[in-house]
Amino acid sequence: MKLKKECVRDVLKYLENNLQYNSSIFAHEIKLQKYSSEDILYTCEKLYEAGFLNIKIQKYISDEVPLIMILSITYEGHQFLDNIRSNAIWKETKSAMKEVGSLSINIMSQVAANLISNKLGI
């Protein structure tokens, strides 16, 4: 299965807007029209593996589909989202990624951070 970079950004933005302190959201409840439920679940798992989400797997819906409870976005997750939040920076980041091929989430964040630093003259 392929990790969709747009889905990564959209899931993080959704969670930032909908997660409340001391509450949780089940990944299967996230509805984003552009993506299948499978894409969203997979993205949440990968964001957890990257250290961007705190999750708890309570049980399994079936033998293959975990019930993922998203507890919070980590500090690293917030930093990543801040780096890719701007549509202009996101567009430039995607363009840079196309030039070198697929990049990891962490490299994508670094590319966006470098673009921001360059714009600020840092």
PDB file of N, CA and C in Angstrom:
ATOM      1  N   MET A   1       0.846  -1.183   0.000  1.00  0.00           N
ATOM      2  CA  MET A   1       0.000   0.000   0.000  1.00  0.00           C
ATOM      3  C   MET A   1       0.886   1.238   0.000  1.00  0.00           C
ATOM      4  N   LYS A   2       0.442   2.274  -0.675  1.00  0.00           N
ATOM      5  CA  LYS A   2       1.204   3.495  -0.816  1.00  0.00           C
ATOM      6  C   LYS A   2       0.742   4.535   0.204  1.00  0.00           C
ATOM      7  N   LEU A   3       1.709   5.219   0.823  1.00  0.00           N
ATOM      8  CA  LEU A   3       1.406   6.313   1.734  1.00  0.00           C
ATOM      9  C   LEU A   3       1.192   7.572   0.905  1.00  0.00           C
ATOM     10  N   LYS A   4       0.015   8.144   1.010  1.00  0.00           N
ATOM     11  CA  LYS A   4      -0.339   9.322   0.220  1.00  0.00           C
ATOM     12  C   LYS A   4      -0.006  10.584   1.011  1.00  0.00           C
ATOM     13  N   LYS A   5       0.919  11.357   0.481  1.00  0.00           N
ATOM     14  CA  LYS A   5       1.402  12.557   1.181  1.00  0.00           C
ATOM     15  C   LYS A   5       0.280  13.559   1.443  1.00  0.00           C
ATOM     16  N   GLU A   6      -0.631  13.720   0.494  1.00  0.00           N
ATOM     17  CA  GLU A   6      -1.762  14.630   0.706  1.00  0.00           C
ATOM     18  C   GLU A   6      -2.639  14.147   1.863  1.00  0.00           C
ATOM     19  N   CYS A   7      -2.792  12.843   1.963  1.00  0.00           N
ATOM     20  CA  CYS A   7      -3.593  12.272   3.038  1.00  0.00           C
ATOM     21  C   CYS A   7      -2.924  12.524   4.390  1.00  0.00           C
ATOM     22  N   VAL A   8      -1.599  12.433   4.429  1.00  0.00           N
ATOM     23  CA  VAL A   8      -0.851  12.719   5.657  1.00  0.00           C
ATOM     24  C   VAL A   8      -1.183  14.129   6.143  1.00  0.00           C
ATOM     25  N   ARG A   9      -1.077  15.081   5.245  1.00  0.00           N
ATOM     26  CA  ARG A   9      -1.342  16.481   5.599  1.00  0.00           C
ATOM     27  C   ARG A   9      -2.805  16.671   6.008  1.00  0.00           C
ATOM     28  N   ASP A  10      -3.717  16.104   5.244  1.00  0.00           N
ATOM     29  CA  ASP A  10      -5.139  16.286   5.519  1.00  0.00           C
ATOM     30  C   ASP A  10      -5.564  15.625   6.830  1.00  0.00           C
ATOM     31  N   VAL A  11      -5.018  14.462   7.147  1.00  0.00           N
ATOM     32  CA  VAL A  11      -5.350  13.797   8.407  1.00  0.00           C
ATOM     33  C   VAL A  11      -4.848  14.630   9.583  1.00  0.00           C
ATOM     34  N   LEU A  12      -3.623  15.125   9.503  1.00  0.00           N
ATOM     35  CA  LEU A  12      -3.090  15.947  10.593  1.00  0.00           C
ATOM     36  C   LEU A  12      -3.907  17.221  10.780  1.00  0.00           C
ATOM     37  N   LYS A  13      -4.286  17.862   9.686  1.00  0.00           N
ATOM     38  CA  LYS A  13      -5.112  19.061   9.787  1.00  0.00           C
ATOM     39  C   LYS A  13      -6.483  18.732  10.391  1.00  0.00           C
ATOM     40  N   TYR A  14      -7.059  17.609   9.981  1.00  0.00           N
ATOM     41  CA  TYR A  14      -8.346  17.176  10.536  1.00  0.00           C
ATOM     42  C   TYR A  14      -8.230  16.970  12.046  1.00  0.00           C
ATOM     43  N   LEU A  15      -7.177  16.255  12.452  1.00  0.00           N
ATOM     44  CA  LEU A  15      -7.000  15.967  13.873  1.00  0.00           C
ATOM     45  C   LEU A  15      -6.764  17.241  14.674  1.00  0.00           C
ATOM     46  N   GLU A  16      -5.979  18.151  14.140  1.00  0.00           N
ATOM     47  CA  GLU A  16      -5.729  19.398  14.839  1.00  0.00           C
ATOM     48  C   GLU A  16      -7.037  20.159  15.073  1.00  0.00           C
ATOM     49  N   ASN A  17      -7.927  20.121  14.096  1.00  0.00           N
ATOM     50  CA  ASN A  17      -9.195  20.850  14.200  1.00  0.00           C
ATOM     51  C   ASN A  17     -10.254  20.129  15.017  1.00  0.00           C
ATOM     52  N   ASN A  18     -10.125  18.810  15.178  1.00  0.00           N
ATOM     53  CA  ASN A  18     -11.204  18.044  15.805  1.00  0.00           C
ATOM     54  C   ASN A  18     -10.849  17.360  17.120  1.00  0.00           C
ATOM     55  N   LEU A  19      -9.589  17.124  17.378  1.00  0.00           N
ATOM     56  CA  LEU A  19      -9.201  16.516  18.658  1.00  0.00           C
ATOM     57  C   LEU A  19      -9.305  17.556  19.762  1.00  0.00           C
ATOM     58  N   GLN A  20      -9.841  17.157  20.880  1.00  0.00           N
ATOM     59  CA  GLN A  20      -9.921  18.015  22.054  1.00  0.00           C
ATOM     60  C   GLN A  20      -9.021  17.445  23.143  1.00  0.00           C
ATOM     61  N   TYR A  21      -8.552  18.308  24.025  1.00  0.00           N
ATOM     62  CA  TYR A  21      -7.723  17.863  25.140  1.00  0.00           C
ATOM     63  C   TYR A  21      -8.504  16.847  25.967  1.00  0.00           C
ATOM     64  N   ASN A  22      -7.849  15.768  26.327  1.00  0.00           N
ATOM     65  CA  ASN A  22      -8.447  14.675  27.110  1.00  0.00           C
ATOM     66  C   ASN A  22      -9.607  13.985  26.399  1.00  0.00           C
ATOM     67  N   SER A  23      -9.557  13.970  25.083  1.00  0.00           N
ATOM     68  CA  SER A  23     -10.540  13.198  24.320  1.00  0.00           C
ATOM     69  C   SER A  23      -9.774  12.409  23.271  1.00  0.00           C
ATOM     70  N   SER A  24     -10.493  11.649  22.492  1.00  0.00           N
ATOM     71  CA  SER A  24      -9.853  10.854  21.453  1.00  0.00           C
ATOM     72  C   SER A  24     -10.773  10.772  20.242  1.00  0.00           C
ATOM     73  N   ILE A  25     -10.180  10.330  19.135  1.00  0.00           N
ATOM     74  CA  ILE A  25     -10.928  10.110  17.903  1.00  0.00           C
ATOM     75  C   ILE A  25     -10.511   8.750  17.374  1.00  0.00           C
ATOM     76  N   PHE A  26     -11.476   7.962  16.961  1.00  0.00           N
ATOM     77  CA  PHE A  26     -11.161   6.696  16.323  1.00  0.00           C
ATOM     78  C   PHE A  26     -10.850   6.963  14.852  1.00  0.00           C
ATOM     79  N   ALA A  27      -9.779   6.351  14.380  1.00  0.00           N
ATOM     80  CA  ALA A  27      -9.335   6.584  13.005  1.00  0.00           C
ATOM     81  C   ALA A  27     -10.426   6.253  11.996  1.00  0.00           C
ATOM     82  N   HIS A  28     -11.203   5.217  12.261  1.00  0.00           N
ATOM     83  CA  HIS A  28     -12.245   4.838  11.294  1.00  0.00           C
ATOM     84  C   HIS A  28     -13.390   5.851  11.248  1.00  0.00           C
ATOM     85  N   GLU A  29     -13.429   6.783  12.208  1.00  0.00           N
ATOM     86  CA  GLU A  29     -14.459   7.827  12.211  1.00  0.00           C
ATOM     87  C   GLU A  29     -14.051   9.050  11.390  1.00  0.00           C
ATOM     88  N   ILE A  30     -12.782   9.122  11.017  1.00  0.00           N
ATOM     89  CA  ILE A  30     -12.308  10.245  10.210  1.00  0.00           C
ATOM     90  C   ILE A  30     -12.838  10.077   8.789  1.00  0.00           C
ATOM     91  N   LYS A  31     -13.576  11.054   8.351  1.00  0.00           N
ATOM     92  CA  LYS A  31     -14.157  11.007   7.009  1.00  0.00           C
ATOM     93  C   LYS A  31     -13.613  12.168   6.196  1.00  0.00           C
ATOM     94  N   LEU A  32     -12.791  11.845   5.233  1.00  0.00           N
ATOM     95  CA  LEU A  32     -12.253  12.825   4.296  1.00  0.00           C
ATOM     96  C   LEU A  32     -12.596  12.323   2.901  1.00  0.00           C
ATOM     97  N   GLN A  33     -13.371  13.083   2.183  1.00  0.00           N
ATOM     98  CA  GLN A  33     -13.940  12.620   0.922  1.00  0.00           C
ATOM     99  C   GLN A  33     -12.915  12.121  -0.085  1.00  0.00           C
ATOM    100  N   LYS A  34     -11.720  12.682  -0.079  1.00  0.00           N
ATOM    101  CA  LYS A  34     -10.723  12.330  -1.087  1.00  0.00           C
ATOM    102  C   LYS A  34     -10.080  10.964  -0.844  1.00  0.00           C
ATOM    103  N   TYR A  35     -10.299  10.364   0.351  1.00  0.00           N
ATOM    104  CA  TYR A  35      -9.561   9.157   0.713  1.00  0.00           C
ATOM    105  C   TYR A  35     -10.487   8.052   1.201  1.00  0.00           C
ATOM    106  N   SER A  36     -10.059   6.828   0.942  1.00  0.00           N
ATOM    107  CA  SER A  36     -10.802   5.675   1.443  1.00  0.00           C
ATOM    108  C   SER A  36     -10.521   5.503   2.934  1.00  0.00           C
ATOM    109  N   SER A  37     -11.354   4.739   3.599  1.00  0.00           N
ATOM    110  CA  SER A  37     -11.137   4.428   5.014  1.00  0.00           C
ATOM    111  C   SER A  37      -9.801   3.721   5.201  1.00  0.00           C
ATOM    112  N   GLU A  38      -9.460   2.865   4.255  1.00  0.00           N
ATOM    113  CA  GLU A  38      -8.189   2.143   4.315  1.00  0.00           C
ATOM    114  C   GLU A  38      -7.005   3.115   4.233  1.00  0.00           C
ATOM    115  N   ASP A  39      -7.087   4.118   3.351  1.00  0.00           N
ATOM    116  CA  ASP A  39      -6.028   5.127   3.247  1.00  0.00           C
ATOM    117  C   ASP A  39      -5.852   5.866   4.575  1.00  0.00           C
ATOM    118  N   ILE A  40      -6.954   6.228   5.202  1.00  0.00           N
ATOM    119  CA  ILE A  40      -6.907   6.984   6.455  1.00  0.00           C
ATOM    120  C   ILE A  40      -6.332   6.126   7.578  1.00  0.00           C
ATOM    121  N   LEU A  41      -6.779   4.886   7.699  1.00  0.00           N
ATOM    122  CA  LEU A  41      -6.229   3.988   8.728  1.00  0.00           C
ATOM    123  C   LEU A  41      -4.733   3.781   8.536  1.00  0.00           C
ATOM    124  N   TYR A  42      -4.336   3.541   7.306  1.00  0.00           N
ATOM    125  CA  TYR A  42      -2.929   3.312   6.991  1.00  0.00           C
ATOM    126  C   TYR A  42      -2.100   4.556   7.324  1.00  0.00           C
ATOM    127  N   THR A  43      -2.613   5.719   6.964  1.00  0.00           N
ATOM    128  CA  THR A  43      -1.923   6.973   7.248  1.00  0.00           C
ATOM    129  C   THR A  43      -1.763   7.174   8.751  1.00  0.00           C
ATOM    130  N   CYS A  44      -2.804   6.898   9.514  1.00  0.00           N
ATOM    131  CA  CYS A  44      -2.725   7.041  10.972  1.00  0.00           C
ATOM    132  C   CYS A  44      -1.672   6.097  11.555  1.00  0.00           C
ATOM    133  N   GLU A  45      -1.615   4.880  11.067  1.00  0.00           N
ATOM    134  CA  GLU A  45      -0.603   3.931  11.537  1.00  0.00           C
ATOM    135  C   GLU A  45       0.806   4.454  11.232  1.00  0.00           C
ATOM    136  N   LYS A  46       1.007   4.978  10.032  1.00  0.00           N
ATOM    137  CA  LYS A  46       2.330   5.470   9.638  1.00  0.00           C
ATOM    138  C   LYS A  46       2.700   6.735  10.402  1.00  0.00           C
ATOM    139  N   LEU A  47       1.724   7.603  10.666  1.00  0.00           N
ATOM    140  CA  LEU A  47       1.999   8.790  11.476  1.00  0.00           C
ATOM    141  C   LEU A  47       2.383   8.400  12.901  1.00  0.00           C
ATOM    142  N   TYR A  48       1.788   7.349  13.407  1.00  0.00           N
ATOM    143  CA  TYR A  48       2.172   6.819  14.722  1.00  0.00           C
ATOM    144  C   TYR A  48       3.604   6.281  14.678  1.00  0.00           C
ATOM    145  N   GLU A  49       3.903   5.493  13.661  1.00  0.00           N
ATOM    146  CA  GLU A  49       5.251   4.930  13.523  1.00  0.00           C
ATOM    147  C   GLU A  49       6.304   6.023  13.378  1.00  0.00           C
ATOM    148  N   ALA A  50       5.941   7.149  12.750  1.00  0.00           N
ATOM    149  CA  ALA A  50       6.868   8.268  12.571  1.00  0.00           C
ATOM    150  C   ALA A  50       7.009   9.103  13.844  1.00  0.00           C
ATOM    151  N   GLY A  51       6.183   8.820  14.845  1.00  0.00           N
ATOM    152  CA  GLY A  51       6.239   9.570  16.103  1.00  0.00           C
ATOM    153  C   GLY A  51       5.403  10.831  16.097  1.00  0.00           C
ATOM    154  N   PHE A  52       4.448  10.935  15.158  1.00  0.00           N
ATOM    155  CA  PHE A  52       3.637  12.133  15.046  1.00  0.00           C
ATOM    156  C   PHE A  52       2.273  12.022  15.727  1.00  0.00           C
ATOM    157  N   LEU A  53       1.858  10.811  16.067  1.00  0.00           N
ATOM    158  CA  LEU A  53       0.588  10.605  16.766  1.00  0.00           C
ATOM    159  C   LEU A  53       0.793   9.692  17.966  1.00  0.00           C
ATOM    160  N   ASN A  54       0.024   9.957  19.014  1.00  0.00           N
ATOM    161  CA  ASN A  54      -0.105   9.014  20.127  1.00  0.00           C
ATOM    162  C   ASN A  54      -1.400   8.258  19.899  1.00  0.00           C
ATOM    163  N   ILE A  55      -1.301   6.941  19.792  1.00  0.00           N
ATOM    164  CA  ILE A  55      -2.498   6.145  19.544  1.00  0.00           C
ATOM    165  C   ILE A  55      -2.551   4.968  20.514  1.00  0.00           C
ATOM    166  N   LYS A  56      -3.721   4.395  20.582  1.00  0.00           N
ATOM    167  CA  LYS A  56      -3.920   3.164  21.336  1.00  0.00           C
ATOM    168  C   LYS A  56      -4.755   2.241  20.459  1.00  0.00           C
ATOM    169  N   ILE A  57      -4.287   1.024  20.309  1.00  0.00           N
ATOM    170  CA  ILE A  57      -5.070   0.042  19.575  1.00  0.00           C
ATOM    171  C   ILE A  57      -5.851  -0.744  20.610  1.00  0.00           C
ATOM    172  N   GLN A  58      -7.160  -0.548  20.629  1.00  0.00           N
ATOM    173  CA  GLN A  58      -7.995  -1.161  21.651  1.00  0.00           C
ATOM    174  C   GLN A  58      -8.289  -2.623  21.363  1.00  0.00           C
ATOM    175  N   LYS A  59      -8.679  -2.899  20.171  1.00  0.00           N
ATOM    176  CA  LYS A  59      -9.054  -4.250  19.767  1.00  0.00           C
ATOM    177  C   LYS A  59      -9.088  -4.264  18.260  1.00  0.00           C
ATOM    178  N   TYR A  60      -9.494  -5.335  17.710  1.00  0.00           N
ATOM    179  CA  TYR A  60      -9.576  -5.413  16.257  1.00  0.00           C
ATOM    180  C   TYR A  60     -11.027  -5.474  15.812  1.00  0.00           C
ATOM    181  N   ILE A  61     -11.343  -4.681  14.793  1.00  0.00           N
ATOM    182  CA  ILE A  61     -12.678  -4.701  14.211  1.00  0.00           C
ATOM    183  C   ILE A  61     -12.902  -6.053  13.545  1.00  0.00           C
ATOM    184  N   SER A  62     -11.859  -6.527  12.883  1.00  0.00           N
ATOM    185  CA  SER A  62     -11.870  -7.848  12.261  1.00  0.00           C
ATOM    186  C   SER A  62     -10.457  -8.396  12.406  1.00  0.00           C
ATOM    187  N   ASP A  63     -10.176  -9.510  11.787  1.00  0.00           N
ATOM    188  CA  ASP A  63      -8.846 -10.096  11.895  1.00  0.00           C
ATOM    189  C   ASP A  63      -7.761  -9.195  11.319  1.00  0.00           C
ATOM    190  N   GLU A  64      -8.125  -8.313  10.405  1.00  0.00           N
ATOM    191  CA  GLU A  64      -7.123  -7.518   9.699  1.00  0.00           C
ATOM    192  C   GLU A  64      -7.178  -6.024   9.987  1.00  0.00           C
ATOM    193  N   VAL A  65      -8.270  -5.505  10.518  1.00  0.00           N
ATOM    194  CA  VAL A  65      -8.437  -4.071  10.681  1.00  0.00           C
ATOM    195  C   VAL A  65      -8.410  -3.692  12.161  1.00  0.00           C
ATOM    196  N   PRO A  66      -7.363  -2.935  12.575  1.00  0.00           N
ATOM    197  CA  PRO A  66      -7.290  -2.537  13.988  1.00  0.00           C
ATOM    198  C   PRO A  66      -8.237  -1.379  14.291  1.00  0.00           C
ATOM    199  N   LEU A  67      -8.686  -1.297  15.527  1.00  0.00           N
ATOM    200  CA  LEU A  67      -9.478  -0.168  15.997  1.00  0.00           C
ATOM    201  C   LEU A  67      -8.489   0.802  16.640  1.00  0.00           C
ATOM    202  N   ILE A  68      -8.161   1.848  15.919  1.00  0.00           N
ATOM    203  CA  ILE A  68      -7.126   2.788  16.334  1.00  0.00           C
ATOM    204  C   ILE A  68      -7.771   4.001  16.999  1.00  0.00           C
ATOM    205  N   MET A  69      -7.416   4.215  18.266  1.00  0.00           N
ATOM    206  CA  MET A  69      -7.893   5.373  18.997  1.00  0.00           C
ATOM    207  C   MET A  69      -6.750   6.396  19.019  1.00  0.00           C
ATOM    208  N   ILE A  70      -6.975   7.547  18.413  1.00  0.00           N
ATOM    209  CA  ILE A  70      -5.968   8.599  18.364  1.00  0.00           C
ATOM    210  C   ILE A  70      -6.155   9.470  19.596  1.00  0.00           C
ATOM    211  N   LEU A  71      -5.104   9.526  20.406  1.00  0.00           N
ATOM    212  CA  LEU A  71      -5.153  10.260  21.657  1.00  0.00           C
ATOM    213  C   LEU A  71      -4.696  11.708  21.498  1.00  0.00           C
ATOM    214  N   SER A  72      -3.643  11.904  20.703  1.00  0.00           N
ATOM    215  CA  SER A  72      -3.120  13.257  20.526  1.00  0.00           C
ATOM    216  C   SER A  72      -2.128  13.296  19.373  1.00  0.00           C
ATOM    217  N   ILE A  73      -1.852  14.521  18.950  1.00  0.00           N
ATOM    218  CA  ILE A  73      -0.756  14.777  18.036  1.00  0.00           C
ATOM    219  C   ILE A  73       0.459  15.064  18.909  1.00  0.00           C
ATOM    220  N   THR A  74       1.580  14.451  18.622  1.00  0.00           N
ATOM    221  CA  THR A  74       2.787  14.687  19.412  1.00  0.00           C
ATOM    222  C   THR A  74       3.373  16.062  19.078  1.00  0.00           C
ATOM    223  N   TYR A  75       4.342  16.479  19.878  1.00  0.00           N
ATOM    224  CA  TYR A  75       5.036  17.735  19.593  1.00  0.00           C
ATOM    225  C   TYR A  75       5.664  17.682  18.205  1.00  0.00           C
ATOM    226  N   GLU A  76       6.291  16.546  17.879  1.00  0.00           N
ATOM    227  CA  GLU A  76       6.891  16.377  16.558  1.00  0.00           C
ATOM    228  C   GLU A  76       5.841  16.472  15.459  1.00  0.00           C
ATOM    229  N   GLY A  77       4.661  15.918  15.731  1.00  0.00           N
ATOM    230  CA  GLY A  77       3.562  15.997  14.767  1.00  0.00           C
ATOM    231  C   GLY A  77       3.110  17.429  14.539  1.00  0.00           C
ATOM    232  N   HIS A  78       3.042  18.209  15.626  1.00  0.00           N
ATOM    233  CA  HIS A  78       2.676  19.616  15.483  1.00  0.00           C
ATOM    234  C   HIS A  78       3.743  20.385  14.703  1.00  0.00           C
ATOM    235  N   GLN A  79       5.015  20.094  14.967  1.00  0.00           N
ATOM    236  CA  GLN A  79       6.088  20.744  14.223  1.00  0.00           C
ATOM    237  C   GLN A  79       5.978  20.427  12.731  1.00  0.00           C
ATOM    238  N   PHE A  80       5.750  19.162  12.422  1.00  0.00           N
ATOM    239  CA  PHE A  80       5.604  18.742  11.029  1.00  0.00           C
ATOM    240  C   PHE A  80       4.443  19.475  10.373  1.00  0.00           C
ATOM    241  N   LEU A  81       3.305  19.505  11.045  1.00  0.00           N
ATOM    242  CA  LEU A  81       2.135  20.178  10.490  1.00  0.00           C
ATOM    243  C   LEU A  81       2.403  21.665  10.299  1.00  0.00           C
ATOM    244  N   ASP A  82       3.064  22.285  11.257  1.00  0.00           N
ATOM    245  CA  ASP A  82       3.404  23.697  11.102  1.00  0.00           C
ATOM    246  C   ASP A  82       4.293  23.920   9.882  1.00  0.00           C
ATOM    247  N   ASN A  83       5.205  22.980   9.626  1.00  0.00           N
ATOM    248  CA  ASN A  83       6.102  23.102   8.475  1.00  0.00           C
ATOM    249  C   ASN A  83       5.374  22.974   7.145  1.00  0.00           C
ATOM    250  N   ILE A  84       4.304  22.190   7.098  1.00  0.00           N
ATOM    251  CA  ILE A  84       3.618  21.940   5.823  1.00  0.00           C
ATOM    252  C   ILE A  84       2.245  22.606   5.741  1.00  0.00           C
ATOM    253  N   ARG A  85       1.913  23.429   6.724  1.00  0.00           N
ATOM    254  CA  ARG A  85       0.578  24.043   6.781  1.00  0.00           C
ATOM    255  C   ARG A  85       0.325  25.014   5.619  1.00  0.00           C
ATOM    256  N   SER A  86       1.268  25.876   5.339  1.00  0.00           N
ATOM    257  CA  SER A  86       1.106  26.873   4.278  1.00  0.00           C
ATOM    258  C   SER A  86       0.939  26.185   2.929  1.00  0.00           C
ATOM    259  N   ASN A  87      -0.080  26.595   2.197  1.00  0.00           N
ATOM    260  CA  ASN A  87      -0.299  26.013   0.864  1.00  0.00           C
ATOM    261  C   ASN A  87       0.889  26.271  -0.054  1.00  0.00           C
ATOM    262  N   ALA A  88       1.492  27.456   0.049  1.00  0.00           N
ATOM    263  CA  ALA A  88       2.635  27.784  -0.809  1.00  0.00           C
ATOM    264  C   ALA A  88       3.834  26.898  -0.466  1.00  0.00           C
ATOM    265  N   ILE A  89       4.119  26.739   0.818  1.00  0.00           N
ATOM    266  CA  ILE A  89       5.242  25.887   1.238  1.00  0.00           C
ATOM    267  C   ILE A  89       4.951  24.438   0.876  1.00  0.00           C
ATOM    268  N   TRP A  90       3.707  24.007   1.047  1.00  0.00           N
ATOM    269  CA  TRP A  90       3.335  22.636   0.707  1.00  0.00           C
ATOM    270  C   TRP A  90       3.549  22.385  -0.783  1.00  0.00           C
ATOM    271  N   LYS A  91       3.139  23.338  -1.598  1.00  0.00           N
ATOM    272  CA  LYS A  91       3.312  23.197  -3.052  1.00  0.00           C
ATOM    273  C   LYS A  91       4.797  23.101  -3.409  1.00  0.00           C
ATOM    274  N   GLU A  92       5.624  23.946  -2.798  1.00  0.00           N
ATOM    275  CA  GLU A  92       7.067  23.903  -3.059  1.00  0.00           C
ATOM    276  C   GLU A  92       7.689  22.605  -2.546  1.00  0.00           C
ATOM    277  N   THR A  93       7.216  22.145  -1.406  1.00  0.00           N
ATOM    278  CA  THR A  93       7.725  20.886  -0.839  1.00  0.00           C
ATOM    279  C   THR A  93       7.416  19.723  -1.769  1.00  0.00           C
ATOM    280  N   LYS A  94       6.176  19.666  -2.257  1.00  0.00           N
ATOM    281  CA  LYS A  94       5.801  18.594  -3.180  1.00  0.00           C
ATOM    282  C   LYS A  94       6.616  18.668  -4.463  1.00  0.00           C
ATOM    283  N   SER A  95       6.867  19.874  -4.932  1.00  0.00           N
ATOM    284  CA  SER A  95       7.662  20.046  -6.142  1.00  0.00           C
ATOM    285  C   SER A  95       9.086  19.531  -5.925  1.00  0.00           C
ATOM    286  N   ALA A  96       9.660  19.857  -4.789  1.00  0.00           N
ATOM    287  CA  ALA A  96      11.012  19.379  -4.471  1.00  0.00           C
ATOM    288  C   ALA A  96      11.033  17.855  -4.345  1.00  0.00           C
ATOM    289  N   MET A  97       9.982  17.287  -3.789  1.00  0.00           N
ATOM    290  CA  MET A  97       9.905  15.830  -3.636  1.00  0.00           C
ATOM    291  C   MET A  97       9.826  15.151  -4.996  1.00  0.00           C
ATOM    292  N   LYS A  98       9.125  15.761  -5.937  1.00  0.00           N
ATOM    293  CA  LYS A  98       9.024  15.180  -7.281  1.00  0.00           C
ATOM    294  C   LYS A  98      10.379  15.134  -7.968  1.00  0.00           C
ATOM    295  N   GLU A  99      11.197  16.141  -7.708  1.00  0.00           N
ATOM    296  CA  GLU A  99      12.516  16.211  -8.339  1.00  0.00           C
ATOM    297  C   GLU A  99      13.419  15.062  -7.917  1.00  0.00           C
ATOM    298  N   VAL A 100      13.293  14.627  -6.666  1.00  0.00           N
ATOM    299  CA  VAL A 100      14.178  13.560  -6.157  1.00  0.00           C
ATOM    300  C   VAL A 100      13.454  12.233  -5.990  1.00  0.00           C
ATOM    301  N   GLY A 101      12.178  12.214  -6.259  1.00  0.00           N
ATOM    302  CA  GLY A 101      11.394  10.992  -6.054  1.00  0.00           C
ATOM    303  C   GLY A 101      10.744  11.016  -4.690  1.00  0.00           C
ATOM    304  N   SER A 102      10.175   9.920  -4.304  1.00  0.00           N
ATOM    305  CA  SER A 102       9.462   9.821  -3.039  1.00  0.00           C
ATOM    306  C   SER A 102      10.407  10.020  -1.858  1.00  0.00           C
ATOM    307  N   LEU A 103       9.943  10.753  -0.865  1.00  0.00           N
ATOM    308  CA  LEU A 103      10.723  11.006   0.338  1.00  0.00           C
ATOM    309  C   LEU A 103       9.949  10.564   1.570  1.00  0.00           C
ATOM    310  N   SER A 104      10.674  10.288   2.631  1.00  0.00           N
ATOM    311  CA  SER A 104      10.035   9.911   3.890  1.00  0.00           C
ATOM    312  C   SER A 104       9.322  11.116   4.501  1.00  0.00           C
ATOM    313  N   ILE A 105       8.468  10.852   5.448  1.00  0.00           N
ATOM    314  CA  ILE A 105       7.756  11.923   6.138  1.00  0.00           C
ATOM    315  C   ILE A 105       8.757  12.852   6.831  1.00  0.00           C
ATOM    316  N   ASN A 106       9.775  12.289   7.462  1.00  0.00           N
ATOM    317  CA  ASN A 106      10.750  13.115   8.171  1.00  0.00           C
ATOM    318  C   ASN A 106      11.528  14.013   7.217  1.00  0.00           C
ATOM    319  N   ILE A 107      11.921  13.486   6.063  1.00  0.00           N
ATOM    320  CA  ILE A 107      12.630  14.305   5.069  1.00  0.00           C
ATOM    321  C   ILE A 107      11.692  15.372   4.520  1.00  0.00           C
ATOM    322  N   MET A 108      10.436  15.012   4.288  1.00  0.00           N
ATOM    323  CA  MET A 108       9.454  15.974   3.811  1.00  0.00           C
ATOM    324  C   MET A 108       9.354  17.144   4.785  1.00  0.00           C
ATOM    325  N   SER A 109       9.349  16.862   6.063  1.00  0.00           N
ATOM    326  CA  SER A 109       9.288  17.909   7.078  1.00  0.00           C
ATOM    327  C   SER A 109      10.529  18.788   7.033  1.00  0.00           C
ATOM    328  N   GLN A 110      11.684  18.161   6.852  1.00  0.00           N
ATOM    329  CA  GLN A 110      12.939  18.926   6.769  1.00  0.00           C
ATOM    330  C   GLN A 110      12.979  19.814   5.536  1.00  0.00           C
ATOM    331  N   VAL A 111      12.490  19.300   4.407  1.00  0.00           N
ATOM    332  CA  VAL A 111      12.436  20.101   3.178  1.00  0.00           C
ATOM    333  C   VAL A 111      11.563  21.326   3.409  1.00  0.00           C
ATOM    334  N   ALA A 112      10.397  21.119   4.005  1.00  0.00           N
ATOM    335  CA  ALA A 112       9.483  22.238   4.279  1.00  0.00           C
ATOM    336  C   ALA A 112      10.128  23.228   5.248  1.00  0.00           C
ATOM    337  N   ALA A 113      10.792  22.721   6.282  1.00  0.00           N
ATOM    338  CA  ALA A 113      11.456  23.601   7.248  1.00  0.00           C
ATOM    339  C   ALA A 113      12.557  24.410   6.576  1.00  0.00           C
ATOM    340  N   ASN A 114      13.309  23.776   5.669  1.00  0.00           N
ATOM    341  CA  ASN A 114      14.366  24.491   4.946  1.00  0.00           C
ATOM    342  C   ASN A 114      13.777  25.581   4.043  1.00  0.00           C
ATOM    343  N   LEU A 115      12.660  25.276   3.395  1.00  0.00           N
ATOM    344  CA  LEU A 115      12.007  26.273   2.557  1.00  0.00           C
ATOM    345  C   LEU A 115      11.557  27.482   3.395  1.00  0.00           C
ATOM    346  N   ILE A 116      11.016  27.207   4.574  1.00  0.00           N
ATOM    347  CA  ILE A 116      10.582  28.280   5.470  1.00  0.00           C
ATOM    348  C   ILE A 116      11.796  29.093   5.920  1.00  0.00           C
ATOM    349  N   SER A 117      12.864  28.400   6.305  1.00  0.00           N
ATOM    350  CA  SER A 117      14.083  29.098   6.749  1.00  0.00           C
ATOM    351  C   SER A 117      14.636  29.991   5.646  1.00  0.00           C
ATOM    352  N   ASN A 118      14.641  29.477   4.414  1.00  0.00           N
ATOM    353  CA  ASN A 118      15.128  30.275   3.284  1.00  0.00           C
ATOM    354  C   ASN A 118      14.284  31.523   3.073  1.00  0.00           C
ATOM    355  N   LYS A 119      12.963  31.390   3.207  1.00  0.00           N
ATOM    356  CA  LYS A 119      12.078  32.532   3.032  1.00  0.00           C
ATOM    357  C   LYS A 119      12.291  33.568   4.142  1.00  0.00           C
ATOM    358  N   LEU A 120      12.667  33.100   5.324  1.00  0.00           N
ATOM    359  CA  LEU A 120      12.912  34.018   6.448  1.00  0.00           C
ATOM    360  C   LEU A 120      14.341  34.559   6.448  1.00  0.00           C
ATOM    361  N   GLY A 121      15.173  34.029   5.555  1.00  0.00           N
ATOM    362  CA  GLY A 121      16.557  34.485   5.481  1.00  0.00           C
ATOM    363  C   GLY A 121      17.419  33.957   6.609  1.00  0.00           C
ATOM    364  N   ILE A 122      17.042  32.823   7.136  1.00  0.00           N
ATOM    365  CA  ILE A 122      17.796  32.212   8.250  1.00  0.00           C
ATOM    366  C   ILE A 122      18.877  31.301   7.697  1.00  0.00           C
TER     367      ILE A 122
END
